[in-house]
């Protein structure tokens, strides 16, 4: 199994179709262990997908809602970012994540690969989002 970071191919098509509306749709982030298989071919969030972090110890299936969505443009790039996602008082290990659009049938947006296992031990687990710039934002359309 492997997690490979990137925008989901289905998301790119759905952008052209007008499916995803940042600012009004609800986006979520779910966490996965190193046993998950997620990549650009992932099309939806499915609670039964193998490898999601176990529901317990501060994590609930489906993850958390993303807030602070910011849509911007500059330097010939359109870009979107979110506020950091957090799980307070948690104890679990995650290797990656899936951002998905809960409003639009849980359609997959982006897979994140943390590079290695990240663990919280009765502490706050945070997925830190990059700077909201044309060169660093999480989602960039060039």
C-alpha atoms as a PDB file:
ATOM      1  CA  UNK A   1       0.000   0.000   0.000  1.00  0.00           C
ATOM      2  CA  UNK A   2       1.135   3.546  -0.585  1.00  0.00           C
ATOM      3  CA  UNK A   3       0.077   7.143  -0.275  1.00  0.00           C
ATOM      4  CA  UNK A   4       1.134   9.388  -3.148  1.00  0.00           C
ATOM      5  CA  UNK A   5       0.566  13.140  -2.846  1.00  0.00           C
ATOM      6  CA  UNK A   6      -1.189  15.119  -5.555  1.00  0.00           C
ATOM      7  CA  UNK A   7      -4.388  16.650  -6.837  1.00  0.00           C
ATOM      8  CA  UNK A   8      -6.925  13.988  -7.710  1.00  0.00           C
ATOM      9  CA  UNK A   9      -7.471  13.635 -11.451  1.00  0.00           C
ATOM     10  CA  UNK A  10     -11.251  13.520 -10.994  1.00  0.00           C
ATOM     11  CA  UNK A  11     -11.036  16.846  -9.100  1.00  0.00           C
ATOM     12  CA  UNK A  12      -9.356  18.527 -12.081  1.00  0.00           C
ATOM     13  CA  UNK A  13     -12.197  17.419 -14.375  1.00  0.00           C
ATOM     14  CA  UNK A  14     -14.833  18.421 -11.816  1.00  0.00           C
ATOM     15  CA  UNK A  15     -13.309  21.908 -11.542  1.00  0.00           C
ATOM     16  CA  UNK A  16     -13.935  22.393 -15.255  1.00  0.00           C
ATOM     17  CA  UNK A  17     -17.501  21.163 -14.782  1.00  0.00           C
ATOM     18  CA  UNK A  18     -18.118  23.623 -11.917  1.00  0.00           C
ATOM     19  CA  UNK A  19     -18.664  20.906  -9.292  1.00  0.00           C
ATOM     20  CA  UNK A  20     -16.470  22.387  -6.554  1.00  0.00           C
ATOM     21  CA  UNK A  21     -17.302  25.825  -5.150  1.00  0.00           C
ATOM     22  CA  UNK A  22     -14.689  26.971  -2.670  1.00  0.00           C
ATOM     23  CA  UNK A  23     -16.173  29.366  -0.162  1.00  0.00           C
ATOM     24  CA  UNK A  24     -19.618  27.742  -0.088  1.00  0.00           C
ATOM     25  CA  UNK A  25     -19.041  23.956  -0.250  1.00  0.00           C
ATOM     26  CA  UNK A  26     -17.920  22.099   2.881  1.00  0.00           C
ATOM     27  CA  UNK A  27     -14.457  20.520   2.616  1.00  0.00           C
ATOM     28  CA  UNK A  28     -13.107  17.959   5.074  1.00  0.00           C
ATOM     29  CA  UNK A  29      -9.824  16.199   5.755  1.00  0.00           C
ATOM     30  CA  UNK A  30      -9.575  12.532   6.750  1.00  0.00           C
ATOM     31  CA  UNK A  31      -6.407  10.896   8.086  1.00  0.00           C
ATOM     32  CA  UNK A  32      -4.857   7.605   6.969  1.00  0.00           C
ATOM     33  CA  UNK A  33      -2.194   5.188   8.165  1.00  0.00           C
ATOM     34  CA  UNK A  34       0.641   3.708   6.133  1.00  0.00           C
ATOM     35  CA  UNK A  35      -1.652   0.806   5.147  1.00  0.00           C
ATOM     36  CA  UNK A  36      -3.857   3.049   2.969  1.00  0.00           C
ATOM     37  CA  UNK A  37      -3.682   3.210  -0.798  1.00  0.00           C
ATOM     38  CA  UNK A  38      -4.396   6.792  -1.922  1.00  0.00           C
ATOM     39  CA  UNK A  39      -3.175   8.609  -5.022  1.00  0.00           C
ATOM     40  CA  UNK A  40      -4.279  10.852  -7.912  1.00  0.00           C
ATOM     41  CA  UNK A  41      -6.731   8.124  -8.998  1.00  0.00           C
ATOM     42  CA  UNK A  42      -8.704   8.398  -5.718  1.00  0.00           C
ATOM     43  CA  UNK A  43     -12.181   9.694  -6.626  1.00  0.00           C
ATOM     44  CA  UNK A  44     -14.165   9.873  -3.364  1.00  0.00           C
ATOM     45  CA  UNK A  45     -13.875   9.655   0.386  1.00  0.00           C
ATOM     46  CA  UNK A  46     -15.350   6.324   1.476  1.00  0.00           C
ATOM     47  CA  UNK A  47     -15.574   5.470   5.175  1.00  0.00           C
ATOM     48  CA  UNK A  48     -14.839   1.826   4.337  1.00  0.00           C
ATOM     49  CA  UNK A  49     -11.519   2.580   2.594  1.00  0.00           C
ATOM     50  CA  UNK A  50      -8.803   0.539   4.281  1.00  0.00           C
ATOM     51  CA  UNK A  51      -6.225   2.389   6.297  1.00  0.00           C
ATOM     52  CA  UNK A  52      -8.222   5.289   7.748  1.00  0.00           C
ATOM     53  CA  UNK A  53      -7.022   6.146  11.269  1.00  0.00           C
ATOM     54  CA  UNK A  54      -9.043   4.123  13.784  1.00  0.00           C
ATOM     55  CA  UNK A  55     -12.056   5.856  15.245  1.00  0.00           C
ATOM     56  CA  UNK A  56     -10.996   6.437  18.842  1.00  0.00           C
ATOM     57  CA  UNK A  57      -8.459   8.405  20.816  1.00  0.00           C
ATOM     58  CA  UNK A  58      -9.535  11.787  19.438  1.00  0.00           C
ATOM     59  CA  UNK A  59     -10.271  10.775  15.829  1.00  0.00           C
ATOM     60  CA  UNK A  60     -13.684  10.257  14.225  1.00  0.00           C
ATOM     61  CA  UNK A  61     -14.265   8.621  10.834  1.00  0.00           C
ATOM     62  CA  UNK A  62     -14.426  11.255   8.124  1.00  0.00           C
ATOM     63  CA  UNK A  63     -11.958  13.561   9.837  1.00  0.00           C
ATOM     64  CA  UNK A  64     -12.692  17.221  10.489  1.00  0.00           C
ATOM     65  CA  UNK A  65     -14.153  20.110   8.547  1.00  0.00           C
ATOM     66  CA  UNK A  66     -11.646  22.474   6.987  1.00  0.00           C
ATOM     67  CA  UNK A  67     -12.129  26.154   7.761  1.00  0.00           C
ATOM     68  CA  UNK A  68     -10.598  29.406   6.634  1.00  0.00           C
ATOM     69  CA  UNK A  69     -10.873  28.666   2.923  1.00  0.00           C
ATOM     70  CA  UNK A  70      -9.091  31.386   0.979  1.00  0.00           C
ATOM     71  CA  UNK A  71      -9.279  31.641  -2.806  1.00  0.00           C
ATOM     72  CA  UNK A  72      -6.718  33.973  -4.365  1.00  0.00           C
ATOM     73  CA  UNK A  73      -4.806  34.687  -7.547  1.00  0.00           C
ATOM     74  CA  UNK A  74      -1.514  36.261  -8.470  1.00  0.00           C
ATOM     75  CA  UNK A  75       1.515  35.756 -10.669  1.00  0.00           C
ATOM     76  CA  UNK A  76      -0.668  33.942 -13.226  1.00  0.00           C
ATOM     77  CA  UNK A  77      -1.768  31.335 -10.652  1.00  0.00           C
ATOM     78  CA  UNK A  78      -5.139  30.672  -9.012  1.00  0.00           C
ATOM     79  CA  UNK A  79      -4.751  29.141  -5.571  1.00  0.00           C
ATOM     80  CA  UNK A  80      -6.720  27.868  -2.592  1.00  0.00           C
ATOM     81  CA  UNK A  81      -5.714  27.229   0.962  1.00  0.00           C
ATOM     82  CA  UNK A  82      -7.291  26.371   4.306  1.00  0.00           C
ATOM     83  CA  UNK A  83      -6.552  26.948   7.981  1.00  0.00           C
ATOM     84  CA  UNK A  84      -4.577  24.260   9.797  1.00  0.00           C
ATOM     85  CA  UNK A  85      -6.622  21.163  10.709  1.00  0.00           C
ATOM     86  CA  UNK A  86      -6.357  19.938  14.303  1.00  0.00           C
ATOM     87  CA  UNK A  87      -7.418  17.025  16.486  1.00  0.00           C
ATOM     88  CA  UNK A  88      -7.184  17.971  20.179  1.00  0.00           C
ATOM     89  CA  UNK A  89      -6.256  15.497  22.932  1.00  0.00           C
ATOM     90  CA  UNK A  90      -5.534  12.766  20.402  1.00  0.00           C
ATOM     91  CA  UNK A  91      -3.389   9.639  20.421  1.00  0.00           C
ATOM     92  CA  UNK A  92      -2.868   8.099  16.993  1.00  0.00           C
ATOM     93  CA  UNK A  93      -0.459   7.766  14.083  1.00  0.00           C
ATOM     94  CA  UNK A  94      -1.159   9.027  10.558  1.00  0.00           C
ATOM     95  CA  UNK A  95       0.874   8.839   7.347  1.00  0.00           C
ATOM     96  CA  UNK A  96      -1.312  10.965   5.049  1.00  0.00           C
ATOM     97  CA  UNK A  97      -4.671  12.549   4.431  1.00  0.00           C
ATOM     98  CA  UNK A  98      -7.460  13.004   1.918  1.00  0.00           C
ATOM     99  CA  UNK A  99      -9.127  16.357   1.400  1.00  0.00           C
ATOM    100  CA  UNK A 100     -12.628  15.933   0.029  1.00  0.00           C
ATOM    101  CA  UNK A 101     -15.795  17.906  -0.731  1.00  0.00           C
ATOM    102  CA  UNK A 102     -18.487  16.750   1.706  1.00  0.00           C
ATOM    103  CA  UNK A 103     -21.115  18.912  -0.027  1.00  0.00           C
ATOM    104  CA  UNK A 104     -20.589  17.207  -3.376  1.00  0.00           C
ATOM    105  CA  UNK A 105     -20.924  13.526  -2.481  1.00  0.00           C
ATOM    106  CA  UNK A 106     -17.522  13.289  -0.757  1.00  0.00           C
ATOM    107  CA  UNK A 107     -15.651  13.854  -4.029  1.00  0.00           C
ATOM    108  CA  UNK A 108     -11.864  13.636  -3.579  1.00  0.00           C
ATOM    109  CA  UNK A 109      -9.797  16.816  -3.992  1.00  0.00           C
ATOM    110  CA  UNK A 110      -6.230  16.084  -2.920  1.00  0.00           C
ATOM    111  CA  UNK A 111      -4.110  13.399  -1.307  1.00  0.00           C
ATOM    112  CA  UNK A 112      -1.445  14.492   1.189  1.00  0.00           C
ATOM    113  CA  UNK A 113       1.609  12.347   1.986  1.00  0.00           C
ATOM    114  CA  UNK A 114       3.273  13.351   5.252  1.00  0.00           C
ATOM    115  CA  UNK A 115       6.535  11.675   4.184  1.00  0.00           C
ATOM    116  CA  UNK A 116       6.609   9.421   7.223  1.00  0.00           C
ATOM    117  CA  UNK A 117       4.392   8.468  10.138  1.00  0.00           C
ATOM    118  CA  UNK A 118       3.318  11.352  12.386  1.00  0.00           C
ATOM    119  CA  UNK A 119       2.154  10.549  15.914  1.00  0.00           C
ATOM    120  CA  UNK A 120       0.310  12.374  18.648  1.00  0.00           C
ATOM    121  CA  UNK A 121       0.301  11.054  22.203  1.00  0.00           C
ATOM    122  CA  UNK A 122      -2.507  12.698  24.171  1.00  0.00           C
ATOM    123  CA  UNK A 123      -1.695  15.945  22.415  1.00  0.00           C
ATOM    124  CA  UNK A 124      -2.976  18.041  19.514  1.00  0.00           C
ATOM    125  CA  UNK A 125      -2.349  16.517  16.092  1.00  0.00           C
ATOM    126  CA  UNK A 126      -2.043  19.286  13.492  1.00  0.00           C
ATOM    127  CA  UNK A 127      -1.970  19.191   9.710  1.00  0.00           C
ATOM    128  CA  UNK A 128      -0.245  22.495   9.013  1.00  0.00           C
ATOM    129  CA  UNK A 129      -1.206  24.180   5.765  1.00  0.00           C
ATOM    130  CA  UNK A 130       1.427  26.036   3.734  1.00  0.00           C
ATOM    131  CA  UNK A 131       1.498  29.780   3.147  1.00  0.00           C
ATOM    132  CA  UNK A 132      -1.350  31.065   0.988  1.00  0.00           C
ATOM    133  CA  UNK A 133       0.825  32.274  -1.892  1.00  0.00           C
ATOM    134  CA  UNK A 134       1.040  31.535  -5.599  1.00  0.00           C
ATOM    135  CA  UNK A 135       4.156  29.418  -5.005  1.00  0.00           C
ATOM    136  CA  UNK A 136       3.224  27.615  -1.794  1.00  0.00           C
ATOM    137  CA  UNK A 137      -0.570  27.269  -1.429  1.00  0.00           C
ATOM    138  CA  UNK A 138      -1.914  23.761  -1.097  1.00  0.00           C
ATOM    139  CA  UNK A 139      -3.952  23.845  -4.326  1.00  0.00           C
ATOM    140  CA  UNK A 140      -2.505  25.815  -7.243  1.00  0.00           C
ATOM    141  CA  UNK A 141      -3.806  26.078 -10.782  1.00  0.00           C
ATOM    142  CA  UNK A 142      -1.141  27.339 -13.165  1.00  0.00           C
END
